[in-house]
Amino acid sequence: MANFASEEKIAQRRADILQAAIQVFAAKGYHNAAIADIASLLGIGHGTIYRYYKNKRDIFNAILAELLSQMADVVQQEPPTTNTLDEYRAQLERIAAHMMRIFHADPRLARIAFYEALSVEGDARDSVQHFIAVFAQFTEHYMKNGIQKGFLRPSMDTRVAANLITAMMMEAVKQVAEGNASDADIQRWKDEIIHFVIGGLGLR
């Protein structure tokens, strides 16, 4: 029982540090942020943080890993097995809604993922770029499935189309997260993405 309580306390402290770090990184930027800023926000000594994370980069990487895991779950839960254009449209709507929901719930994460991470050399930037590449690969599987099933345009360059759709999706996520987006704003972004995608990829 004592060990369980101790592990629970450690997990909570780590989570508290990450939440404080999200606030600091989003407000000051990765390069201007310091361990002392995070500790000050929590009301603890900065030495305490080193019991849970090696350094500032370790904290940043932990935030990014959790965020990218949530984003990856979105596409992994949507297999490329739709059978009609209407089914694919519904699938696109679900993917867009889930992606936007992540960042609408906490807009600070968009700054961390799409701005701060890309300014950090090494693992952080590579992780975001890798995720975007994997998202595009999943999207290409959707394209190929649609062509095989006969509801998407057979002349399509699937790789180019997948990268274009991915770029649109990421831009929509950034735009929604950066402003004070209402549910209506989010719906407008989703609707336009679907119109672009279905209008350009569907059979003529």
N, C-alpha and C. Protein backbone atom coordinates (compact mmCIF):
# COMPACT_ATOMS: atom_id res chain seq x y z
N MET A 1 0.84 -1.20 0.00
CA MET A 1 0.00 0.00 0.00
C MET A 1 0.87 1.25 0.00
N ALA A 2 1.95 1.20 0.80
CA ALA A 2 2.85 2.34 0.89
C ALA A 2 3.53 2.59 -0.46
N ASN A 3 3.93 1.50 -1.15
CA ASN A 3 4.59 1.64 -2.44
C ASN A 3 3.63 2.23 -3.47
N PHE A 4 2.37 1.76 -3.43
CA PHE A 4 1.38 2.27 -4.38
C PHE A 4 1.17 3.76 -4.17
N ALA A 5 1.05 4.17 -2.90
CA ALA A 5 0.84 5.58 -2.59
C ALA A 5 2.02 6.41 -3.06
N SER A 6 3.23 5.86 -2.89
CA SER A 6 4.43 6.58 -3.30
C SER A 6 4.47 6.73 -4.82
N GLU A 7 4.14 5.66 -5.54
CA GLU A 7 4.14 5.73 -7.00
C GLU A 7 3.08 6.71 -7.50
N GLU A 8 1.95 6.71 -6.83
CA GLU A 8 0.88 7.63 -7.20
C GLU A 8 1.32 9.07 -6.98
N LYS A 9 1.99 9.31 -5.89
CA LYS A 9 2.47 10.66 -5.58
C LYS A 9 3.50 11.12 -6.60
N ILE A 10 4.39 10.21 -6.99
CA ILE A 10 5.41 10.54 -7.99
C ILE A 10 4.75 10.87 -9.33
N ALA A 11 3.78 10.05 -9.72
CA ALA A 11 3.08 10.28 -10.99
C ALA A 11 2.36 11.62 -10.97
N GLN A 12 1.75 11.96 -9.84
CA GLN A 12 1.04 13.24 -9.74
C GLN A 12 2.00 14.41 -9.80
N ARG A 13 3.15 14.28 -9.14
CA ARG A 13 4.14 15.36 -9.17
C ARG A 13 4.67 15.55 -10.59
N ARG A 14 4.93 14.46 -11.29
CA ARG A 14 5.40 14.56 -12.67
C ARG A 14 4.35 15.25 -13.54
N ALA A 15 3.09 14.88 -13.34
CA ALA A 15 2.00 15.49 -14.12
C ALA A 15 1.89 16.98 -13.81
N ASP A 16 2.04 17.34 -12.53
CA ASP A 16 1.98 18.75 -12.13
C ASP A 16 3.09 19.55 -12.80
N ILE A 17 4.28 18.96 -12.86
CA ILE A 17 5.41 19.63 -13.49
C ILE A 17 5.14 19.85 -14.98
N LEU A 18 4.59 18.85 -15.63
CA LEU A 18 4.30 18.99 -17.06
C LEU A 18 3.25 20.07 -17.31
N GLN A 19 2.21 20.11 -16.48
CA GLN A 19 1.18 21.14 -16.66
C GLN A 19 1.76 22.54 -16.46
N ALA A 20 2.59 22.69 -15.46
CA ALA A 20 3.23 24.00 -15.24
C ALA A 20 4.16 24.34 -16.40
N ALA A 21 4.86 23.35 -16.90
CA ALA A 21 5.79 23.58 -18.00
C ALA A 21 5.05 23.99 -19.28
N ILE A 22 3.88 23.40 -19.52
CA ILE A 22 3.07 23.79 -20.68
C ILE A 22 2.77 25.28 -20.61
N GLN A 23 2.40 25.74 -19.44
CA GLN A 23 2.08 27.16 -19.26
C GLN A 23 3.31 28.04 -19.51
N VAL A 24 4.44 27.61 -18.98
CA VAL A 24 5.67 28.40 -19.12
C VAL A 24 6.17 28.40 -20.56
N PHE A 25 6.22 27.22 -21.18
CA PHE A 25 6.71 27.14 -22.56
C PHE A 25 5.82 27.92 -23.53
N ALA A 26 4.51 27.84 -23.32
CA ALA A 26 3.58 28.54 -24.20
C ALA A 26 3.70 30.06 -24.03
N ALA A 27 3.94 30.50 -22.81
CA ALA A 27 4.00 31.94 -22.53
C ALA A 27 5.36 32.55 -22.89
N LYS A 28 6.45 31.83 -22.59
CA LYS A 28 7.78 32.42 -22.75
C LYS A 28 8.55 31.86 -23.93
N GLY A 29 8.09 30.71 -24.46
CA GLY A 29 8.86 30.03 -25.50
C GLY A 29 9.89 29.12 -24.87
N TYR A 30 10.25 28.07 -25.60
CA TYR A 30 11.18 27.09 -25.04
C TYR A 30 12.51 27.71 -24.66
N HIS A 31 13.08 28.50 -25.55
CA HIS A 31 14.43 29.01 -25.33
C HIS A 31 14.50 30.02 -24.19
N ASN A 32 13.44 30.76 -23.94
CA ASN A 32 13.44 31.76 -22.87
C ASN A 32 12.97 31.19 -21.53
N ALA A 33 12.42 30.00 -21.57
CA ALA A 33 11.92 29.38 -20.33
C ALA A 33 13.08 28.76 -19.54
N ALA A 34 12.88 28.68 -18.25
CA ALA A 34 13.90 28.07 -17.38
C ALA A 34 13.23 27.15 -16.38
N ILE A 35 14.00 26.22 -15.88
CA ILE A 35 13.50 25.31 -14.84
C ILE A 35 12.97 26.12 -13.65
N ALA A 36 13.65 27.22 -13.34
CA ALA A 36 13.24 28.05 -12.22
C ALA A 36 11.85 28.64 -12.43
N ASP A 37 11.47 28.93 -13.68
CA ASP A 37 10.14 29.45 -13.98
C ASP A 37 9.07 28.42 -13.65
N ILE A 38 9.35 27.17 -14.01
CA ILE A 38 8.40 26.08 -13.75
C ILE A 38 8.27 25.85 -12.25
N ALA A 39 9.41 25.84 -11.57
CA ALA A 39 9.41 25.64 -10.12
C ALA A 39 8.66 26.76 -9.41
N SER A 40 8.87 27.99 -9.87
CA SER A 40 8.21 29.13 -9.25
C SER A 40 6.69 29.03 -9.38
N LEU A 41 6.24 28.59 -10.55
CA LEU A 41 4.81 28.45 -10.78
C LEU A 41 4.20 27.41 -9.84
N LEU A 42 4.97 26.39 -9.52
CA LEU A 42 4.50 25.32 -8.63
C LEU A 42 4.75 25.64 -7.15
N GLY A 43 5.56 26.67 -6.89
CA GLY A 43 5.87 27.00 -5.50
C GLY A 43 6.81 26.01 -4.85
N ILE A 44 7.74 25.47 -5.65
CA ILE A 44 8.71 24.51 -5.13
C ILE A 44 10.11 24.97 -5.52
N GLY A 45 11.12 24.37 -4.88
CA GLY A 45 12.49 24.66 -5.25
C GLY A 45 12.82 24.03 -6.60
N HIS A 46 13.65 24.72 -7.40
CA HIS A 46 13.93 24.16 -8.72
C HIS A 46 14.68 22.84 -8.64
N GLY A 47 15.39 22.61 -7.53
CA GLY A 47 16.08 21.34 -7.37
C GLY A 47 15.12 20.16 -7.30
N THR A 48 13.91 20.42 -6.81
CA THR A 48 12.91 19.35 -6.72
C THR A 48 12.56 18.80 -8.10
N ILE A 49 12.53 19.66 -9.09
CA ILE A 49 12.16 19.22 -10.44
C ILE A 49 13.16 18.21 -10.99
N TYR A 50 14.43 18.37 -10.63
CA TYR A 50 15.46 17.46 -11.13
C TYR A 50 15.33 16.05 -10.56
N ARG A 51 14.49 15.88 -9.55
CA ARG A 51 14.23 14.53 -9.04
C ARG A 51 13.33 13.76 -10.00
N TYR A 52 12.61 14.50 -10.86
CA TYR A 52 11.62 13.88 -11.74
C TYR A 52 11.99 13.97 -13.22
N TYR A 53 12.74 15.00 -13.59
CA TYR A 53 13.16 15.16 -14.98
C TYR A 53 14.61 15.61 -15.03
N LYS A 54 15.33 15.14 -16.04
CA LYS A 54 16.77 15.42 -16.10
C LYS A 54 17.08 16.89 -16.35
N ASN A 55 16.28 17.51 -17.22
CA ASN A 55 16.54 18.90 -17.59
C ASN A 55 15.32 19.47 -18.33
N LYS A 56 15.45 20.68 -18.82
CA LYS A 56 14.35 21.34 -19.52
C LYS A 56 13.94 20.57 -20.78
N ARG A 57 14.92 20.08 -21.51
CA ARG A 57 14.61 19.33 -22.73
C ARG A 57 13.84 18.06 -22.41
N ASP A 58 14.18 17.41 -21.33
CA ASP A 58 13.49 16.19 -20.91
C ASP A 58 12.01 16.49 -20.63
N ILE A 59 11.73 17.61 -19.98
CA ILE A 59 10.35 18.01 -19.70
C ILE A 59 9.61 18.30 -21.00
N PHE A 60 10.26 19.06 -21.88
CA PHE A 60 9.65 19.41 -23.15
C PHE A 60 9.33 18.16 -23.97
N ASN A 61 10.28 17.24 -24.03
CA ASN A 61 10.07 16.00 -24.78
C ASN A 61 8.92 15.18 -24.22
N ALA A 62 8.77 15.19 -22.89
CA ALA A 62 7.67 14.44 -22.27
C ALA A 62 6.32 15.03 -22.65
N ILE A 63 6.23 16.36 -22.68
CA ILE A 63 4.99 17.03 -23.10
C ILE A 63 4.68 16.68 -24.54
N LEU A 64 5.68 16.76 -25.39
CA LEU A 64 5.49 16.51 -26.81
C LEU A 64 5.13 15.05 -27.08
N ALA A 65 5.76 14.13 -26.37
CA ALA A 65 5.47 12.71 -26.57
C ALA A 65 4.02 12.39 -26.24
N GLU A 66 3.51 12.97 -25.15
CA GLU A 66 2.11 12.74 -24.77
C GLU A 66 1.16 13.33 -25.81
N LEU A 67 1.47 14.53 -26.28
CA LEU A 67 0.63 15.18 -27.28
C LEU A 67 0.61 14.41 -28.59
N LEU A 68 1.77 14.01 -29.07
CA LEU A 68 1.85 13.28 -30.33
C LEU A 68 1.18 11.91 -30.22
N SER A 69 1.23 11.32 -29.04
CA SER A 69 0.54 10.05 -28.82
C SER A 69 -0.97 10.22 -28.97
N GLN A 70 -1.50 11.32 -28.42
CA GLN A 70 -2.94 11.59 -28.56
C GLN A 70 -3.32 11.80 -30.03
N MET A 71 -2.47 12.52 -30.76
CA MET A 71 -2.74 12.78 -32.17
C MET A 71 -2.64 11.50 -32.99
N ALA A 72 -1.67 10.65 -32.67
CA ALA A 72 -1.52 9.39 -33.40
C ALA A 72 -2.72 8.48 -33.17
N ASP A 73 -3.27 8.51 -31.96
CA ASP A 73 -4.44 7.68 -31.65
C ASP A 73 -5.61 8.01 -32.57
N VAL A 74 -5.71 9.28 -32.97
CA VAL A 74 -6.83 9.71 -33.82
C VAL A 74 -6.85 8.92 -35.12
N VAL A 75 -5.70 8.83 -35.79
CA VAL A 75 -5.68 8.13 -37.08
C VAL A 75 -5.66 6.61 -36.90
N GLN A 76 -5.05 6.15 -35.82
CA GLN A 76 -4.99 4.70 -35.60
C GLN A 76 -6.37 4.12 -35.33
N GLN A 77 -7.28 4.95 -34.83
CA GLN A 77 -8.64 4.48 -34.57
C GLN A 77 -9.53 4.56 -35.80
N GLU A 78 -8.96 5.05 -36.92
CA GLU A 78 -9.73 5.19 -38.16
C GLU A 78 -9.05 4.41 -39.27
N PRO A 79 -9.29 3.11 -39.37
CA PRO A 79 -8.62 2.29 -40.40
C PRO A 79 -9.08 2.68 -41.80
N PRO A 80 -8.21 2.50 -42.81
CA PRO A 80 -8.55 2.84 -44.19
C PRO A 80 -9.38 1.75 -44.86
N THR A 81 -10.62 1.58 -44.37
CA THR A 81 -11.45 0.48 -44.86
C THR A 81 -12.83 0.94 -45.31
N THR A 82 -13.02 2.26 -45.50
CA THR A 82 -14.33 2.74 -45.92
C THR A 82 -14.68 2.21 -47.31
N ASN A 83 -15.98 2.07 -47.57
CA ASN A 83 -16.43 1.46 -48.82
C ASN A 83 -17.11 2.41 -49.79
N THR A 84 -17.47 3.61 -49.31
CA THR A 84 -18.15 4.57 -50.17
C THR A 84 -17.62 5.96 -49.90
N LEU A 85 -17.92 6.89 -50.81
CA LEU A 85 -17.50 8.27 -50.62
C LEU A 85 -18.16 8.87 -49.39
N ASP A 86 -19.41 8.53 -49.14
CA ASP A 86 -20.09 9.04 -47.95
C ASP A 86 -19.43 8.55 -46.67
N GLU A 87 -19.01 7.29 -46.65
CA GLU A 87 -18.32 6.75 -45.48
C GLU A 87 -16.99 7.46 -45.28
N TYR A 88 -16.30 7.72 -46.39
CA TYR A 88 -15.01 8.39 -46.28
C TYR A 88 -15.19 9.83 -45.81
N ARG A 89 -16.22 10.49 -46.30
CA ARG A 89 -16.51 11.86 -45.84
C ARG A 89 -16.74 11.87 -44.32
N ALA A 90 -17.52 10.92 -43.83
CA ALA A 90 -17.79 10.83 -42.40
C ALA A 90 -16.51 10.57 -41.62
N GLN A 91 -15.64 9.76 -42.18
CA GLN A 91 -14.37 9.46 -41.52
C GLN A 91 -13.49 10.71 -41.44
N LEU A 92 -13.43 11.46 -42.53
CA LEU A 92 -12.68 12.71 -42.52
C LEU A 92 -13.20 13.68 -41.47
N GLU A 93 -14.51 13.74 -41.35
CA GLU A 93 -15.13 14.63 -40.36
C GLU A 93 -14.74 14.22 -38.94
N ARG A 94 -14.71 12.91 -38.70
CA ARG A 94 -14.33 12.44 -37.36
C ARG A 94 -12.87 12.77 -37.07
N ILE A 95 -11.99 12.52 -38.04
CA ILE A 95 -10.57 12.79 -37.84
C ILE A 95 -10.35 14.27 -37.57
N ALA A 96 -10.96 15.12 -38.39
CA ALA A 96 -10.80 16.57 -38.22
C ALA A 96 -11.33 17.01 -36.86
N ALA A 97 -12.49 16.49 -36.47
CA ALA A 97 -13.09 16.87 -35.20
C ALA A 97 -12.21 16.48 -34.02
N HIS A 98 -11.67 15.26 -34.06
CA HIS A 98 -10.83 14.79 -32.96
C HIS A 98 -9.54 15.60 -32.87
N MET A 99 -8.91 15.87 -34.02
CA MET A 99 -7.66 16.62 -34.02
C MET A 99 -7.87 18.02 -33.47
N MET A 100 -8.94 18.67 -33.93
CA MET A 100 -9.20 20.04 -33.48
C MET A 100 -9.59 20.07 -32.01
N ARG A 101 -10.26 19.01 -31.55
CA ARG A 101 -10.69 18.97 -30.15
C ARG A 101 -9.49 18.96 -29.20
N ILE A 102 -8.44 18.26 -29.59
CA ILE A 102 -7.25 18.19 -28.75
C ILE A 102 -6.71 19.58 -28.47
N PHE A 103 -6.61 20.39 -29.53
CA PHE A 103 -6.01 21.71 -29.38
C PHE A 103 -7.00 22.77 -28.93
N HIS A 104 -8.27 22.56 -29.25
CA HIS A 104 -9.28 23.50 -28.78
C HIS A 104 -9.39 23.42 -27.26
N ALA A 105 -9.20 22.23 -26.71
CA ALA A 105 -9.26 22.04 -25.26
C ALA A 105 -8.11 22.76 -24.57
N ASP A 106 -6.94 22.81 -25.22
CA ASP A 106 -5.80 23.51 -24.64
C ASP A 106 -4.98 24.12 -25.78
N PRO A 107 -5.31 25.33 -26.21
CA PRO A 107 -4.63 25.98 -27.34
C PRO A 107 -3.12 26.13 -27.15
N ARG A 108 -2.66 26.11 -25.91
CA ARG A 108 -1.22 26.25 -25.67
C ARG A 108 -0.43 25.12 -26.33
N LEU A 109 -1.08 23.96 -26.49
CA LEU A 109 -0.40 22.81 -27.08
C LEU A 109 -0.05 23.04 -28.55
N ALA A 110 -0.85 23.86 -29.22
CA ALA A 110 -0.56 24.16 -30.63
C ALA A 110 0.75 24.93 -30.75
N ARG A 111 0.95 25.89 -29.87
CA ARG A 111 2.20 26.65 -29.90
C ARG A 111 3.39 25.74 -29.63
N ILE A 112 3.22 24.83 -28.68
CA ILE A 112 4.31 23.91 -28.34
C ILE A 112 4.61 22.98 -29.50
N ALA A 113 3.57 22.42 -30.12
CA ALA A 113 3.77 21.41 -31.17
C ALA A 113 4.21 22.01 -32.49
N PHE A 114 3.62 23.13 -32.89
CA PHE A 114 3.83 23.64 -34.24
C PHE A 114 4.79 24.81 -34.32
N TYR A 115 5.20 25.35 -33.18
CA TYR A 115 6.13 26.46 -33.21
C TYR A 115 7.37 26.17 -32.37
N GLU A 116 7.17 25.95 -31.06
CA GLU A 116 8.31 25.74 -30.19
C GLU A 116 9.10 24.48 -30.55
N ALA A 117 8.38 23.39 -30.82
CA ALA A 117 9.07 22.13 -31.11
C ALA A 117 9.92 22.24 -32.37
N LEU A 118 9.44 23.01 -33.35
CA LEU A 118 10.18 23.14 -34.60
C LEU A 118 11.38 24.07 -34.46
N SER A 119 11.47 24.78 -33.35
CA SER A 119 12.61 25.66 -33.12
C SER A 119 13.68 24.99 -32.26
N VAL A 120 13.38 23.79 -31.79
CA VAL A 120 14.30 23.07 -30.92
C VAL A 120 15.05 22.03 -31.74
N GLU A 121 16.35 22.08 -31.69
CA GLU A 121 17.16 21.11 -32.43
C GLU A 121 17.00 19.71 -31.84
N GLY A 122 17.09 18.70 -32.69
CA GLY A 122 17.13 17.32 -32.21
C GLY A 122 15.79 16.63 -32.14
N ASP A 123 15.59 15.88 -31.04
CA ASP A 123 14.46 14.97 -30.92
C ASP A 123 13.10 15.64 -31.06
N ALA A 124 12.94 16.82 -30.47
CA ALA A 124 11.63 17.47 -30.47
C ALA A 124 11.18 17.78 -31.89
N ARG A 125 12.02 18.46 -32.65
CA ARG A 125 11.66 18.81 -34.02
C ARG A 125 11.47 17.55 -34.87
N ASP A 126 12.38 16.60 -34.70
CA ASP A 126 12.29 15.36 -35.47
C ASP A 126 11.00 14.61 -35.16
N SER A 127 10.56 14.65 -33.91
CA SER A 127 9.34 13.94 -33.53
C SER A 127 8.11 14.52 -34.22
N VAL A 128 8.03 15.85 -34.27
CA VAL A 128 6.90 16.49 -34.94
C VAL A 128 6.91 16.21 -36.42
N GLN A 129 8.08 16.34 -37.04
CA GLN A 129 8.19 16.09 -38.47
C GLN A 129 7.88 14.63 -38.80
N HIS A 130 8.30 13.74 -37.90
CA HIS A 130 8.00 12.32 -38.10
C HIS A 130 6.50 12.07 -38.00
N PHE A 131 5.85 12.72 -37.02
CA PHE A 131 4.41 12.53 -36.89
C PHE A 131 3.68 13.01 -38.13
N ILE A 132 4.05 14.18 -38.65
CA ILE A 132 3.40 14.72 -39.84
C ILE A 132 3.59 13.77 -41.01
N ALA A 133 4.77 13.19 -41.13
CA ALA A 133 5.04 12.22 -42.21
C ALA A 133 4.18 10.97 -42.05
N VAL A 134 4.05 10.50 -40.81
CA VAL A 134 3.23 9.31 -40.55
C VAL A 134 1.75 9.61 -40.82
N PHE A 135 1.30 10.80 -40.44
CA PHE A 135 -0.08 11.20 -40.71
C PHE A 135 -0.34 11.19 -42.22
N ALA A 136 0.62 11.69 -42.98
CA ALA A 136 0.48 11.69 -44.44
C ALA A 136 0.45 10.26 -44.99
N GLN A 137 1.23 9.37 -44.40
CA GLN A 137 1.22 7.97 -44.85
C GLN A 137 -0.14 7.32 -44.59
N PHE A 138 -0.70 7.58 -43.41
CA PHE A 138 -2.04 7.06 -43.12
C PHE A 138 -3.04 7.61 -44.13
N THR A 139 -2.93 8.91 -44.42
CA THR A 139 -3.85 9.54 -45.36
C THR A 139 -3.72 8.91 -46.74
N GLU A 140 -2.50 8.58 -47.13
CA GLU A 140 -2.31 7.95 -48.44
C GLU A 140 -2.98 6.57 -48.49
N HIS A 141 -2.98 5.87 -47.36
CA HIS A 141 -3.68 4.58 -47.33
C HIS A 141 -5.18 4.78 -47.57
N TYR A 142 -5.73 5.88 -47.03
CA TYR A 142 -7.15 6.18 -47.28
C TYR A 142 -7.39 6.42 -48.76
N MET A 143 -6.46 7.14 -49.40
CA MET A 143 -6.58 7.42 -50.84
C MET A 143 -6.56 6.12 -51.65
N LYS A 144 -5.59 5.28 -51.35
CA LYS A 144 -5.45 4.03 -52.10
C LYS A 144 -6.66 3.12 -51.89
N ASN A 145 -7.19 3.11 -50.67
CA ASN A 145 -8.39 2.32 -50.41
C ASN A 145 -9.56 2.83 -51.25
N GLY A 146 -9.70 4.16 -51.32
CA GLY A 146 -10.79 4.75 -52.09
C GLY A 146 -10.68 4.45 -53.58
N ILE A 147 -9.46 4.46 -54.10
CA ILE A 147 -9.26 4.13 -55.51
C ILE A 147 -9.58 2.66 -55.76
N GLN A 148 -9.09 1.81 -54.86
CA GLN A 148 -9.35 0.37 -55.00
C GLN A 148 -10.84 0.05 -54.92
N LYS A 149 -11.55 0.76 -54.03
CA LYS A 149 -12.99 0.51 -53.86
C LYS A 149 -13.82 1.21 -54.94
N GLY A 150 -13.18 2.09 -55.71
CA GLY A 150 -13.87 2.71 -56.83
C GLY A 150 -14.64 3.98 -56.53
N PHE A 151 -14.37 4.63 -55.37
CA PHE A 151 -15.10 5.86 -55.08
C PHE A 151 -14.20 7.10 -55.07
N LEU A 152 -12.89 6.94 -55.31
CA LEU A 152 -12.00 8.08 -55.47
C LEU A 152 -11.37 8.06 -56.87
N ARG A 153 -10.95 9.22 -57.30
CA ARG A 153 -10.43 9.41 -58.66
C ARG A 153 -9.19 8.55 -58.90
N PRO A 154 -9.23 7.65 -59.87
CA PRO A 154 -8.11 6.72 -60.09
C PRO A 154 -6.84 7.38 -60.60
N SER A 155 -6.94 8.55 -61.21
CA SER A 155 -5.76 9.23 -61.75
C SER A 155 -4.99 10.02 -60.69
N MET A 156 -5.47 9.99 -59.48
CA MET A 156 -4.87 10.79 -58.40
C MET A 156 -3.43 10.37 -58.11
N ASP A 157 -2.58 11.35 -57.85
CA ASP A 157 -1.25 11.10 -57.31
C ASP A 157 -1.44 11.01 -55.79
N THR A 158 -1.50 9.81 -55.25
CA THR A 158 -1.88 9.62 -53.85
C THR A 158 -0.90 10.26 -52.88
N ARG A 159 0.38 10.23 -53.21
CA ARG A 159 1.35 10.81 -52.28
C ARG A 159 1.20 12.32 -52.20
N VAL A 160 1.07 12.96 -53.35
CA VAL A 160 0.89 14.41 -53.36
C VAL A 160 -0.42 14.78 -52.66
N ALA A 161 -1.50 14.06 -52.99
CA ALA A 161 -2.81 14.34 -52.39
C ALA A 161 -2.74 14.18 -50.88
N ALA A 162 -2.07 13.14 -50.39
CA ALA A 162 -1.97 12.89 -48.95
C ALA A 162 -1.22 14.02 -48.25
N ASN A 163 -0.15 14.50 -48.87
CA ASN A 163 0.61 15.59 -48.26
C ASN A 163 -0.18 16.90 -48.25
N LEU A 164 -0.96 17.14 -49.31
CA LEU A 164 -1.78 18.34 -49.35
C LEU A 164 -2.87 18.31 -48.27
N ILE A 165 -3.52 17.16 -48.12
CA ILE A 165 -4.55 17.03 -47.10
C ILE A 165 -3.96 17.19 -45.70
N THR A 166 -2.80 16.59 -45.49
CA THR A 166 -2.13 16.72 -44.19
C THR A 166 -1.81 18.18 -43.89
N ALA A 167 -1.31 18.90 -44.89
CA ALA A 167 -0.99 20.32 -44.70
C ALA A 167 -2.24 21.12 -44.35
N MET A 168 -3.34 20.83 -45.03
CA MET A 168 -4.60 21.52 -44.72
C MET A 168 -5.05 21.23 -43.30
N MET A 169 -4.95 19.97 -42.91
CA MET A 169 -5.40 19.58 -41.57
C MET A 169 -4.56 20.25 -40.49
N MET A 170 -3.25 20.26 -40.67
CA MET A 170 -2.38 20.87 -39.67
C MET A 170 -2.60 22.38 -39.59
N GLU A 171 -2.82 23.02 -40.75
CA GLU A 171 -3.07 24.45 -40.74
C GLU A 171 -4.39 24.76 -40.04
N ALA A 172 -5.40 23.94 -40.27
CA ALA A 172 -6.69 24.14 -39.61
C ALA A 172 -6.54 24.01 -38.10
N VAL A 173 -5.79 23.02 -37.66
CA VAL A 173 -5.56 22.82 -36.23
C VAL A 173 -4.88 24.05 -35.63
N LYS A 174 -3.85 24.56 -36.32
CA LYS A 174 -3.14 25.74 -35.82
C LYS A 174 -4.06 26.96 -35.74
N GLN A 175 -4.83 27.18 -36.78
CA GLN A 175 -5.70 28.35 -36.82
C GLN A 175 -6.77 28.29 -35.74
N VAL A 176 -7.36 27.14 -35.56
CA VAL A 176 -8.39 26.98 -34.53
C VAL A 176 -7.79 27.19 -33.14
N ALA A 177 -6.60 26.66 -32.92
CA ALA A 177 -5.99 26.72 -31.60
C ALA A 177 -5.45 28.10 -31.27
N GLU A 178 -5.03 28.86 -32.28
CA GLU A 178 -4.41 30.16 -32.02
C GLU A 178 -5.40 31.22 -31.57
N GLY A 179 -6.63 31.16 -32.10
CA GLY A 179 -7.60 32.19 -31.77
C GLY A 179 -8.61 31.72 -30.74
N ASN A 180 -9.57 32.58 -30.50
CA ASN A 180 -10.66 32.21 -29.60
C ASN A 180 -11.76 31.57 -30.42
N ALA A 181 -11.48 30.38 -30.91
CA ALA A 181 -12.40 29.72 -31.84
C ALA A 181 -13.64 29.22 -31.13
N SER A 182 -14.78 29.51 -31.72
CA SER A 182 -16.05 29.00 -31.21
C SER A 182 -16.33 27.66 -31.87
N ASP A 183 -17.35 26.98 -31.42
CA ASP A 183 -17.75 25.72 -32.06
C ASP A 183 -18.12 25.97 -33.52
N ALA A 184 -18.72 27.13 -33.79
CA ALA A 184 -19.09 27.46 -35.17
C ALA A 184 -17.85 27.65 -36.04
N ASP A 185 -16.81 28.27 -35.49
CA ASP A 185 -15.56 28.45 -36.23
C ASP A 185 -14.94 27.11 -36.57
N ILE A 186 -14.93 26.23 -35.59
CA ILE A 186 -14.37 24.89 -35.82
C ILE A 186 -15.14 24.16 -36.90
N GLN A 187 -16.45 24.27 -36.86
CA GLN A 187 -17.29 23.62 -37.87
C GLN A 187 -16.99 24.17 -39.26
N ARG A 188 -16.76 25.47 -39.37
CA ARG A 188 -16.45 26.07 -40.66
C ARG A 188 -15.15 25.51 -41.23
N TRP A 189 -14.14 25.38 -40.40
CA TRP A 189 -12.88 24.80 -40.85
C TRP A 189 -13.07 23.35 -41.31
N LYS A 190 -13.78 22.59 -40.50
CA LYS A 190 -14.03 21.19 -40.86
C LYS A 190 -14.78 21.09 -42.18
N ASP A 191 -15.81 21.90 -42.32
CA ASP A 191 -16.64 21.85 -43.54
C ASP A 191 -15.81 22.16 -44.78
N GLU A 192 -14.96 23.19 -44.70
CA GLU A 192 -14.19 23.57 -45.88
C GLU A 192 -13.15 22.51 -46.24
N ILE A 193 -12.54 21.91 -45.22
CA ILE A 193 -11.58 20.82 -45.50
C ILE A 193 -12.28 19.69 -46.24
N ILE A 194 -13.46 19.31 -45.75
CA ILE A 194 -14.20 18.21 -46.37
C ILE A 194 -14.58 18.58 -47.81
N HIS A 195 -15.04 19.82 -48.02
CA HIS A 195 -15.42 20.24 -49.38
C HIS A 195 -14.22 20.19 -50.32
N PHE A 196 -13.07 20.67 -49.87
CA PHE A 196 -11.87 20.64 -50.69
C PHE A 196 -11.48 19.21 -51.03
N VAL A 197 -11.44 18.39 -50.00
CA VAL A 197 -10.96 17.01 -50.19
C VAL A 197 -11.92 16.22 -51.07
N ILE A 198 -13.17 16.19 -50.71
CA ILE A 198 -14.14 15.39 -51.46
C ILE A 198 -14.31 15.93 -52.87
N GLY A 199 -14.34 17.25 -53.01
CA GLY A 199 -14.49 17.85 -54.33
C GLY A 199 -13.32 17.56 -55.25
N GLY A 200 -12.13 17.49 -54.66
CA GLY A 200 -10.95 17.26 -55.49
C GLY A 200 -10.62 15.80 -55.72
N LEU A 201 -11.04 14.92 -54.80
CA LEU A 201 -10.64 13.52 -54.90
C LEU A 201 -11.73 12.60 -55.43
N GLY A 202 -12.99 13.06 -55.32
CA GLY A 202 -14.09 12.20 -55.75
C GLY A 202 -14.10 11.98 -57.25
N LEU A 203 -14.83 10.98 -57.67
CA LEU A 203 -14.96 10.69 -59.09
C LEU A 203 -15.67 11.83 -59.80
N ARG A 204 -15.25 12.13 -61.00
CA ARG A 204 -15.90 13.18 -61.80
C ARG A 204 -16.81 12.56 -62.84
